[in-house]
Amino acid sequence: MALKRIRENKKLRLLAIILSIFLLIIIAMVVFTFAPLLIKLFNYVAQNGINGVIESAIGFLGKLWTGTGNYLYYIHLQILQYPILLKPG
């Protein structure tokens, strides 16, 4: 029913096309944003293997569980690297 309305109604068809293009643009932006992260992840796995990734994750989770890690300090340093996030407004 809904597809028949979209086919027959020019305004709905135009709206569907515009929304589809907008959705594709958002998906492309997300892929391009996370591409460097994925490349770093694949390189890390290639160098250390799955076992290295698991050991690293276990160490990180252990620090979070015991509270001995400097995770909040790390986040603070990451925010300072991007001063645009600190601008008001």
C-alpha atoms as a PDB file:
ATOM      1  CA  MET A   1       0.000   0.000   0.000  1.00  0.00           C
ATOM      2  CA  ALA A   2       2.648   2.513   1.049  1.00  0.00           C
ATOM      3  CA  LEU A   3       4.862   1.699  -1.923  1.00  0.00           C
ATOM      4  CA  LYS A   4       1.956   2.239  -4.276  1.00  0.00           C
ATOM      5  CA  ARG A   5       1.353   5.687  -2.748  1.00  0.00           C
ATOM      6  CA  ILE A   6       5.018   6.604  -3.117  1.00  0.00           C
ATOM      7  CA  ARG A   7       5.033   5.507  -6.763  1.00  0.00           C
ATOM      8  CA  GLU A   8       1.944   7.518  -7.591  1.00  0.00           C
ATOM      9  CA  ASN A   9       2.581  10.648  -5.545  1.00  0.00           C
ATOM     10  CA  LYS A  10       5.390  12.824  -6.939  1.00  0.00           C
ATOM     11  CA  LYS A  11       5.906  14.707  -3.662  1.00  0.00           C
ATOM     12  CA  LEU A  12       6.266  11.502  -1.663  1.00  0.00           C
ATOM     13  CA  ARG A  13       8.633  10.092  -4.286  1.00  0.00           C
ATOM     14  CA  LEU A  14      10.774  13.231  -4.129  1.00  0.00           C
ATOM     15  CA  LEU A  15      10.764  13.087  -0.328  1.00  0.00           C
ATOM     16  CA  ALA A  16      11.798   9.425  -0.392  1.00  0.00           C
ATOM     17  CA  ILE A  17      14.646  10.181  -2.811  1.00  0.00           C
ATOM     18  CA  ILE A  18      15.877  13.105  -0.719  1.00  0.00           C
ATOM     19  CA  LEU A  19      15.744  11.035   2.482  1.00  0.00           C
ATOM     20  CA  SER A  20      17.583   8.182   0.783  1.00  0.00           C
ATOM     21  CA  ILE A  21      20.354  10.489  -0.401  1.00  0.00           C
ATOM     22  CA  PHE A  22      20.572  12.069   3.049  1.00  0.00           C
ATOM     23  CA  LEU A  23      20.823   8.621   4.655  1.00  0.00           C
ATOM     24  CA  LEU A  24      23.568   7.566   2.238  1.00  0.00           C
ATOM     25  CA  ILE A  25      25.522  10.728   3.024  1.00  0.00           C
ATOM     26  CA  ILE A  26      25.266  10.062   6.760  1.00  0.00           C
ATOM     27  CA  ILE A  27      26.389   6.453   6.309  1.00  0.00           C
ATOM     28  CA  ALA A  28      29.358   7.587   4.197  1.00  0.00           C
ATOM     29  CA  MET A  29      30.323  10.157   6.825  1.00  0.00           C
ATOM     30  CA  VAL A  30      30.238   7.528   9.575  1.00  0.00           C
ATOM     31  CA  VAL A  31      32.363   5.144   7.500  1.00  0.00           C
ATOM     32  CA  PHE A  32      34.937   7.848   6.703  1.00  0.00           C
ATOM     33  CA  THR A  33      34.978   8.937  10.350  1.00  0.00           C
ATOM     34  CA  PHE A  34      35.688   5.463  11.676  1.00  0.00           C
ATOM     35  CA  ALA A  35      38.000   4.346   8.842  1.00  0.00           C
ATOM     36  CA  PRO A  36      41.233   5.443  10.609  1.00  0.00           C
ATOM     37  CA  LEU A  37      40.109   3.684  13.789  1.00  0.00           C
ATOM     38  CA  LEU A  38      39.378   0.484  11.886  1.00  0.00           C
ATOM     39  CA  ILE A  39      42.732   0.658  10.084  1.00  0.00           C
ATOM     40  CA  LYS A  40      44.554   1.056  13.415  1.00  0.00           C
ATOM     41  CA  LEU A  41      42.562  -1.844  14.845  1.00  0.00           C
ATOM     42  CA  PHE A  42      43.405  -4.111  11.899  1.00  0.00           C
ATOM     43  CA  ASN A  43      47.097  -3.152  12.108  1.00  0.00           C
ATOM     44  CA  TYR A  44      47.115  -3.891  15.847  1.00  0.00           C
ATOM     45  CA  VAL A  45      45.508  -7.275  15.261  1.00  0.00           C
ATOM     46  CA  ALA A  46      47.962  -8.013  12.443  1.00  0.00           C
ATOM     47  CA  GLN A  47      50.945  -7.227  14.688  1.00  0.00           C
ATOM     48  CA  ASN A  48      49.750  -8.765  17.971  1.00  0.00           C
ATOM     49  CA  GLY A  49      47.169 -11.302  16.891  1.00  0.00           C
ATOM     50  CA  ILE A  50      43.838 -12.027  18.521  1.00  0.00           C
ATOM     51  CA  ASN A  51      45.601 -13.204  21.669  1.00  0.00           C
ATOM     52  CA  GLY A  52      47.277  -9.785  22.041  1.00  0.00           C
ATOM     53  CA  VAL A  53      43.938  -8.027  21.646  1.00  0.00           C
ATOM     54  CA  ILE A  54      42.344 -10.247  24.287  1.00  0.00           C
ATOM     55  CA  GLU A  55      45.251  -9.725  26.714  1.00  0.00           C
ATOM     56  CA  SER A  56      45.094  -5.969  26.175  1.00  0.00           C
ATOM     57  CA  ALA A  57      41.329  -5.925  26.764  1.00  0.00           C
ATOM     58  CA  ILE A  58      41.679  -8.052  29.911  1.00  0.00           C
ATOM     59  CA  GLY A  59      44.373  -5.712  31.256  1.00  0.00           C
ATOM     60  CA  PHE A  60      42.211  -2.662  30.557  1.00  0.00           C
ATOM     61  CA  LEU A  61      39.129  -4.227  32.149  1.00  0.00           C
ATOM     62  CA  GLY A  62      41.218  -5.285  35.152  1.00  0.00           C
ATOM     63  CA  LYS A  63      42.368  -1.685  35.670  1.00  0.00           C
ATOM     64  CA  LEU A  64      38.792  -0.459  35.421  1.00  0.00           C
ATOM     65  CA  TRP A  65      37.591  -3.106  37.857  1.00  0.00           C
ATOM     66  CA  THR A  66      40.240  -2.379  40.508  1.00  0.00           C
ATOM     67  CA  GLY A  67      40.286   1.357  39.913  1.00  0.00           C
ATOM     68  CA  THR A  68      44.062   1.542  39.529  1.00  0.00           C
ATOM     69  CA  GLY A  69      44.109   2.836  35.978  1.00  0.00           C
ATOM     70  CA  ASN A  70      44.460   6.457  34.930  1.00  0.00           C
ATOM     71  CA  TYR A  71      41.545   6.276  32.516  1.00  0.00           C
ATOM     72  CA  LEU A  72      40.034   9.615  33.544  1.00  0.00           C
ATOM     73  CA  TYR A  73      43.424  11.294  33.165  1.00  0.00           C
ATOM     74  CA  TYR A  74      43.682   9.766  29.690  1.00  0.00           C
ATOM     75  CA  ILE A  75      40.261  11.144  28.756  1.00  0.00           C
ATOM     76  CA  HIS A  76      41.316  14.566  30.077  1.00  0.00           C
ATOM     77  CA  LEU A  77      44.417  14.508  27.859  1.00  0.00           C
ATOM     78  CA  GLN A  78      42.348  13.477  24.838  1.00  0.00           C
ATOM     79  CA  ILE A  79      39.959  16.391  25.375  1.00  0.00           C
ATOM     80  CA  LEU A  80      42.875  18.827  25.622  1.00  0.00           C
ATOM     81  CA  GLN A  81      44.119  17.627  22.230  1.00  0.00           C
ATOM     82  CA  TYR A  82      40.854  18.838  20.705  1.00  0.00           C
ATOM     83  CA  PRO A  83      40.345  22.375  22.069  1.00  0.00           C
ATOM     84  CA  ILE A  84      37.336  22.959  19.806  1.00  0.00           C
ATOM     85  CA  LEU A  85      35.349  20.718  22.180  1.00  0.00           C
ATOM     86  CA  LEU A  86      36.058  23.134  25.043  1.00  0.00           C
ATOM     87  CA  LYS A  87      34.603  26.217  23.329  1.00  0.00           C
ATOM     88  CA  PRO A  88      31.339  27.386  24.882  1.00  0.00           C
ATOM     89  CA  GLY A  89      28.262  27.620  22.913  1.00  0.00           C
END
